């Protein structure tokens, strides 16, 4: 178990999915299993670190998606004509995506 603490001090998680899974496990443990105050604090601190990692990862992903969307929006006027019917059909396609 000391090796796990050493690894967690340098890297919070290897992936968003692993961090989310561990966060769920800590949450379940905090809700269901009585424990010592020291263990509760350790779990809480680890949960905070995981939550921060997940939030940063999601913010980063959102920024990447915004950049891709902006790039696609910038390319659309160059590829389409100025015809209003084309704009109306692209709006319909946008609605269908959601």
N, C-alpha and C. Protein backbone atom coordinates (compact mmCIF):
# COMPACT_ATOMS: atom_id res chain seq x y z
N UNK A 1 0.80 -1.20 0.00
CA UNK A 1 0.00 0.00 0.00
C UNK A 1 0.85 1.27 0.00
N UNK A 2 2.02 1.32 0.59
CA UNK A 2 2.83 2.52 0.50
C UNK A 2 3.18 2.89 -0.93
N UNK A 3 3.33 1.91 -1.81
CA UNK A 3 3.63 2.21 -3.21
C UNK A 3 2.49 2.98 -3.85
N UNK A 4 1.25 2.67 -3.46
CA UNK A 4 0.09 3.37 -3.99
C UNK A 4 0.11 4.83 -3.57
N UNK A 5 0.47 5.10 -2.31
CA UNK A 5 0.53 6.48 -1.85
C UNK A 5 1.62 7.25 -2.58
N UNK A 6 2.73 6.61 -2.84
CA UNK A 6 3.82 7.26 -3.57
C UNK A 6 3.37 7.60 -4.98
N UNK A 7 2.70 6.66 -5.62
CA UNK A 7 2.22 6.90 -6.98
C UNK A 7 1.18 8.00 -7.00
N UNK A 8 0.30 8.03 -6.00
CA UNK A 8 -0.75 9.04 -5.99
C UNK A 8 -0.21 10.42 -5.67
N UNK A 9 0.94 10.51 -5.01
CA UNK A 9 1.49 11.83 -4.70
C UNK A 9 2.08 12.49 -5.94
N UNK A 10 2.53 11.71 -6.91
CA UNK A 10 3.08 12.29 -8.13
C UNK A 10 2.03 12.41 -9.22
N UNK A 11 1.12 11.47 -9.34
CA UNK A 11 0.07 11.48 -10.34
C UNK A 11 -1.25 11.16 -9.65
N UNK A 12 -2.24 12.00 -9.87
CA UNK A 12 -3.53 11.78 -9.24
C UNK A 12 -4.19 10.54 -9.83
N UNK A 13 -4.19 10.43 -11.16
CA UNK A 13 -4.81 9.29 -11.82
C UNK A 13 -4.22 9.16 -13.22
N UNK A 14 -4.30 7.95 -13.76
CA UNK A 14 -3.80 7.72 -15.12
C UNK A 14 -4.80 8.18 -16.17
N UNK A 15 -6.09 8.15 -15.82
CA UNK A 15 -7.10 8.57 -16.79
C UNK A 15 -8.32 9.12 -16.05
N UNK A 16 -9.14 9.83 -16.79
CA UNK A 16 -10.37 10.37 -16.23
C UNK A 16 -11.27 9.25 -15.72
N UNK A 17 -11.35 8.17 -16.48
CA UNK A 17 -12.21 7.06 -16.11
C UNK A 17 -11.76 6.41 -14.80
N UNK A 18 -10.45 6.21 -14.65
CA UNK A 18 -9.93 5.64 -13.41
C UNK A 18 -10.19 6.57 -12.23
N UNK A 19 -10.01 7.86 -12.44
CA UNK A 19 -10.26 8.83 -11.38
C UNK A 19 -11.73 8.82 -10.98
N UNK A 20 -12.62 8.78 -11.95
CA UNK A 20 -14.05 8.76 -11.66
C UNK A 20 -14.45 7.49 -10.92
N UNK A 21 -13.89 6.36 -11.34
CA UNK A 21 -14.18 5.09 -10.67
C UNK A 21 -13.71 5.12 -9.22
N UNK A 22 -12.49 5.61 -9.00
CA UNK A 22 -11.96 5.68 -7.64
C UNK A 22 -12.77 6.66 -6.80
N UNK A 23 -13.18 7.75 -7.39
CA UNK A 23 -14.00 8.73 -6.69
C UNK A 23 -15.34 8.12 -6.27
N UNK A 24 -15.93 7.33 -7.16
CA UNK A 24 -17.17 6.64 -6.81
C UNK A 24 -16.96 5.67 -5.66
N UNK A 25 -15.84 4.94 -5.69
CA UNK A 25 -15.54 3.99 -4.62
C UNK A 25 -15.34 4.72 -3.29
N UNK A 26 -14.63 5.82 -3.30
CA UNK A 26 -14.42 6.59 -2.07
C UNK A 26 -15.75 7.12 -1.55
N UNK A 27 -16.58 7.62 -2.44
CA UNK A 27 -17.90 8.13 -2.04
C UNK A 27 -18.73 7.03 -1.40
N UNK A 28 -18.74 5.85 -2.03
CA UNK A 28 -19.49 4.72 -1.46
C UNK A 28 -18.94 4.36 -0.09
N UNK A 29 -17.63 4.31 0.02
CA UNK A 29 -17.00 3.95 1.28
C UNK A 29 -17.32 4.98 2.37
N UNK A 30 -17.27 6.25 2.04
CA UNK A 30 -17.59 7.29 3.01
C UNK A 30 -19.04 7.21 3.46
N UNK A 31 -19.93 6.83 2.56
CA UNK A 31 -21.36 6.73 2.89
C UNK A 31 -21.70 5.47 3.68
N UNK A 32 -21.04 4.36 3.34
CA UNK A 32 -21.48 3.06 3.85
C UNK A 32 -20.64 2.46 4.96
N UNK A 33 -19.37 2.71 4.99
CA UNK A 33 -18.49 2.02 5.92
C UNK A 33 -18.00 2.94 7.03
N UNK A 34 -18.35 2.61 8.28
CA UNK A 34 -17.80 3.40 9.37
C UNK A 34 -16.28 3.21 9.42
N UNK A 35 -15.59 4.29 9.74
CA UNK A 35 -14.14 4.22 9.71
C UNK A 35 -13.58 5.17 10.75
N UNK A 36 -12.28 5.10 10.94
CA UNK A 36 -11.63 6.02 11.87
C UNK A 36 -11.59 7.42 11.26
N UNK A 37 -11.44 8.40 12.10
CA UNK A 37 -11.37 9.77 11.64
C UNK A 37 -10.19 9.96 10.69
N UNK A 38 -9.07 9.34 11.00
CA UNK A 38 -7.88 9.45 10.14
C UNK A 38 -8.17 8.91 8.75
N UNK A 39 -8.84 7.75 8.66
CA UNK A 39 -9.17 7.16 7.36
C UNK A 39 -10.20 8.01 6.61
N UNK A 40 -11.16 8.56 7.35
CA UNK A 40 -12.15 9.44 6.71
C UNK A 40 -11.47 10.67 6.11
N UNK A 41 -10.55 11.26 6.85
CA UNK A 41 -9.84 12.43 6.34
C UNK A 41 -8.97 12.07 5.14
N UNK A 42 -8.32 10.92 5.19
CA UNK A 42 -7.49 10.47 4.07
C UNK A 42 -8.35 10.28 2.82
N UNK A 43 -9.49 9.61 3.00
CA UNK A 43 -10.40 9.40 1.87
C UNK A 43 -10.93 10.73 1.34
N UNK A 44 -11.26 11.64 2.24
CA UNK A 44 -11.78 12.94 1.82
C UNK A 44 -10.72 13.70 1.02
N UNK A 45 -9.49 13.72 1.50
CA UNK A 45 -8.41 14.41 0.79
C UNK A 45 -8.17 13.80 -0.58
N UNK A 46 -8.16 12.47 -0.65
CA UNK A 46 -7.96 11.79 -1.93
C UNK A 46 -9.12 12.11 -2.87
N UNK A 47 -10.33 12.13 -2.32
CA UNK A 47 -11.50 12.46 -3.12
C UNK A 47 -11.42 13.87 -3.68
N UNK A 48 -10.94 14.80 -2.88
CA UNK A 48 -10.78 16.18 -3.34
C UNK A 48 -9.77 16.27 -4.48
N UNK A 49 -8.66 15.53 -4.34
CA UNK A 49 -7.65 15.52 -5.40
C UNK A 49 -8.22 14.93 -6.69
N UNK A 50 -8.97 13.84 -6.56
CA UNK A 50 -9.58 13.20 -7.73
C UNK A 50 -10.62 14.11 -8.37
N UNK A 51 -11.41 14.77 -7.54
CA UNK A 51 -12.43 15.68 -8.06
C UNK A 51 -11.78 16.83 -8.83
N UNK A 52 -10.72 17.38 -8.28
CA UNK A 52 -10.00 18.45 -8.97
C UNK A 52 -9.45 17.99 -10.31
N UNK A 53 -8.88 16.78 -10.32
CA UNK A 53 -8.35 16.21 -11.57
C UNK A 53 -9.47 16.05 -12.59
N UNK A 54 -10.60 15.50 -12.16
CA UNK A 54 -11.73 15.29 -13.08
C UNK A 54 -12.25 16.63 -13.61
N UNK A 55 -12.37 17.62 -12.75
CA UNK A 55 -12.86 18.92 -13.19
C UNK A 55 -11.90 19.56 -14.20
N UNK A 56 -10.60 19.50 -13.94
CA UNK A 56 -9.62 20.04 -14.88
C UNK A 56 -9.68 19.30 -16.21
N UNK A 57 -9.84 17.98 -16.15
CA UNK A 57 -9.92 17.19 -17.37
C UNK A 57 -11.15 17.58 -18.19
N UNK A 58 -12.27 17.77 -17.52
CA UNK A 58 -13.50 18.15 -18.22
C UNK A 58 -13.40 19.56 -18.81
N UNK A 59 -12.78 20.48 -18.09
CA UNK A 59 -12.59 21.83 -18.62
C UNK A 59 -11.70 21.79 -19.86
N UNK A 60 -10.64 20.99 -19.79
CA UNK A 60 -9.74 20.84 -20.93
C UNK A 60 -10.47 20.23 -22.13
N UNK A 61 -11.28 19.22 -21.87
CA UNK A 61 -12.04 18.59 -22.95
C UNK A 61 -13.02 19.58 -23.57
N UNK A 62 -13.66 20.39 -22.73
CA UNK A 62 -14.61 21.39 -23.24
C UNK A 62 -13.90 22.40 -24.13
N UNK A 63 -12.70 22.83 -23.71
CA UNK A 63 -11.94 23.78 -24.52
C UNK A 63 -11.57 23.17 -25.87
N UNK A 64 -11.16 21.90 -25.85
CA UNK A 64 -10.81 21.23 -27.11
C UNK A 64 -12.03 21.14 -28.02
N UNK A 65 -13.18 20.79 -27.46
CA UNK A 65 -14.40 20.70 -28.26
C UNK A 65 -14.78 22.07 -28.82
N UNK A 66 -14.63 23.12 -28.01
CA UNK A 66 -14.92 24.47 -28.49
C UNK A 66 -14.00 24.85 -29.63
N UNK A 67 -12.72 24.47 -29.55
CA UNK A 67 -11.78 24.77 -30.62
C UNK A 67 -12.16 24.04 -31.91
N UNK A 68 -12.54 22.78 -31.78
CA UNK A 68 -12.95 22.00 -32.95
C UNK A 68 -14.21 22.62 -33.55
N UNK A 69 -15.15 22.97 -32.70
CA UNK A 69 -16.40 23.57 -33.18
C UNK A 69 -16.12 24.91 -33.88
N UNK A 70 -15.25 25.73 -33.30
CA UNK A 70 -14.93 27.02 -33.91
C UNK A 70 -14.25 26.81 -35.26
N UNK A 71 -13.38 25.83 -35.34
CA UNK A 71 -12.71 25.54 -36.61
C UNK A 71 -13.74 25.09 -37.66
N UNK A 72 -14.66 24.25 -37.27
CA UNK A 72 -15.69 23.80 -38.21
C UNK A 72 -16.59 24.96 -38.63
N UNK A 73 -16.94 25.83 -37.69
CA UNK A 73 -17.78 26.98 -38.02
C UNK A 73 -17.06 27.91 -38.98
N UNK A 74 -15.75 28.06 -38.80
CA UNK A 74 -14.98 28.93 -39.69
C UNK A 74 -14.89 28.35 -41.09
N UNK A 75 -14.90 27.03 -41.21
CA UNK A 75 -14.81 26.38 -42.51
C UNK A 75 -16.14 26.36 -43.24
N UNK A 76 -17.25 26.39 -42.55
CA UNK A 76 -18.57 26.28 -43.16
C UNK A 76 -18.85 27.38 -44.16
N UNK A 77 -18.63 28.67 -43.86
CA UNK A 77 -18.93 29.71 -44.86
C UNK A 77 -18.12 29.57 -46.14
N UNK A 78 -16.90 29.06 -46.06
CA UNK A 78 -16.07 28.89 -47.25
C UNK A 78 -16.59 27.79 -48.16
N UNK A 79 -17.24 26.80 -47.58
CA UNK A 79 -17.69 25.65 -48.35
C UNK A 79 -19.10 25.81 -48.89
N UNK A 80 -19.91 26.68 -48.29
CA UNK A 80 -21.30 26.82 -48.70
C UNK A 80 -21.49 28.09 -49.50
N UNK A 81 -22.58 28.12 -50.24
CA UNK A 81 -22.92 29.33 -50.99
C UNK A 81 -23.67 30.29 -50.08
N UNK A 82 -24.00 31.47 -50.59
CA UNK A 82 -24.71 32.47 -49.82
C UNK A 82 -26.22 32.25 -49.86
N UNK A 83 -26.68 31.15 -50.38
CA UNK A 83 -28.09 30.85 -50.50
C UNK A 83 -28.69 30.65 -49.11
N UNK A 84 -29.82 31.32 -48.80
CA UNK A 84 -30.46 31.21 -47.49
C UNK A 84 -30.96 29.81 -47.20
N UNK A 85 -31.36 29.07 -48.22
CA UNK A 85 -31.87 27.72 -47.99
C UNK A 85 -30.79 26.82 -47.42
N UNK A 86 -29.55 27.02 -47.79
CA UNK A 86 -28.45 26.23 -47.23
C UNK A 86 -28.29 26.51 -45.75
N UNK A 87 -28.43 27.76 -45.33
CA UNK A 87 -28.31 28.10 -43.92
C UNK A 87 -29.43 27.47 -43.12
N UNK A 88 -30.65 27.48 -43.66
CA UNK A 88 -31.77 26.87 -42.97
C UNK A 88 -31.57 25.38 -42.79
N UNK A 89 -31.06 24.69 -43.79
CA UNK A 89 -30.87 23.25 -43.66
C UNK A 89 -29.75 22.93 -42.69
N UNK A 90 -28.72 23.78 -42.60
CA UNK A 90 -27.66 23.51 -41.63
C UNK A 90 -28.17 23.71 -40.21
N UNK A 91 -29.08 24.66 -39.99
CA UNK A 91 -29.68 24.84 -38.67
C UNK A 91 -30.50 23.64 -38.27
N UNK A 92 -31.19 23.07 -39.22
CA UNK A 92 -31.99 21.86 -38.94
C UNK A 92 -31.06 20.71 -38.56
N UNK A 93 -29.96 20.56 -39.25
CA UNK A 93 -28.99 19.51 -38.92
C UNK A 93 -28.43 19.70 -37.52
N UNK A 94 -28.17 20.95 -37.12
CA UNK A 94 -27.66 21.22 -35.78
C UNK A 94 -28.65 20.76 -34.72
N UNK A 95 -29.92 21.01 -34.95
CA UNK A 95 -30.95 20.61 -34.00
C UNK A 95 -31.03 19.09 -33.90
N UNK A 96 -30.89 18.42 -34.99
CA UNK A 96 -30.97 16.96 -34.99
C UNK A 96 -29.82 16.30 -34.24
N UNK A 97 -28.68 17.00 -34.16
CA UNK A 97 -27.54 16.44 -33.44
C UNK A 97 -27.82 16.34 -31.94
N UNK A 98 -28.62 17.20 -31.43
CA UNK A 98 -28.89 17.22 -29.99
C UNK A 98 -30.16 16.51 -29.71
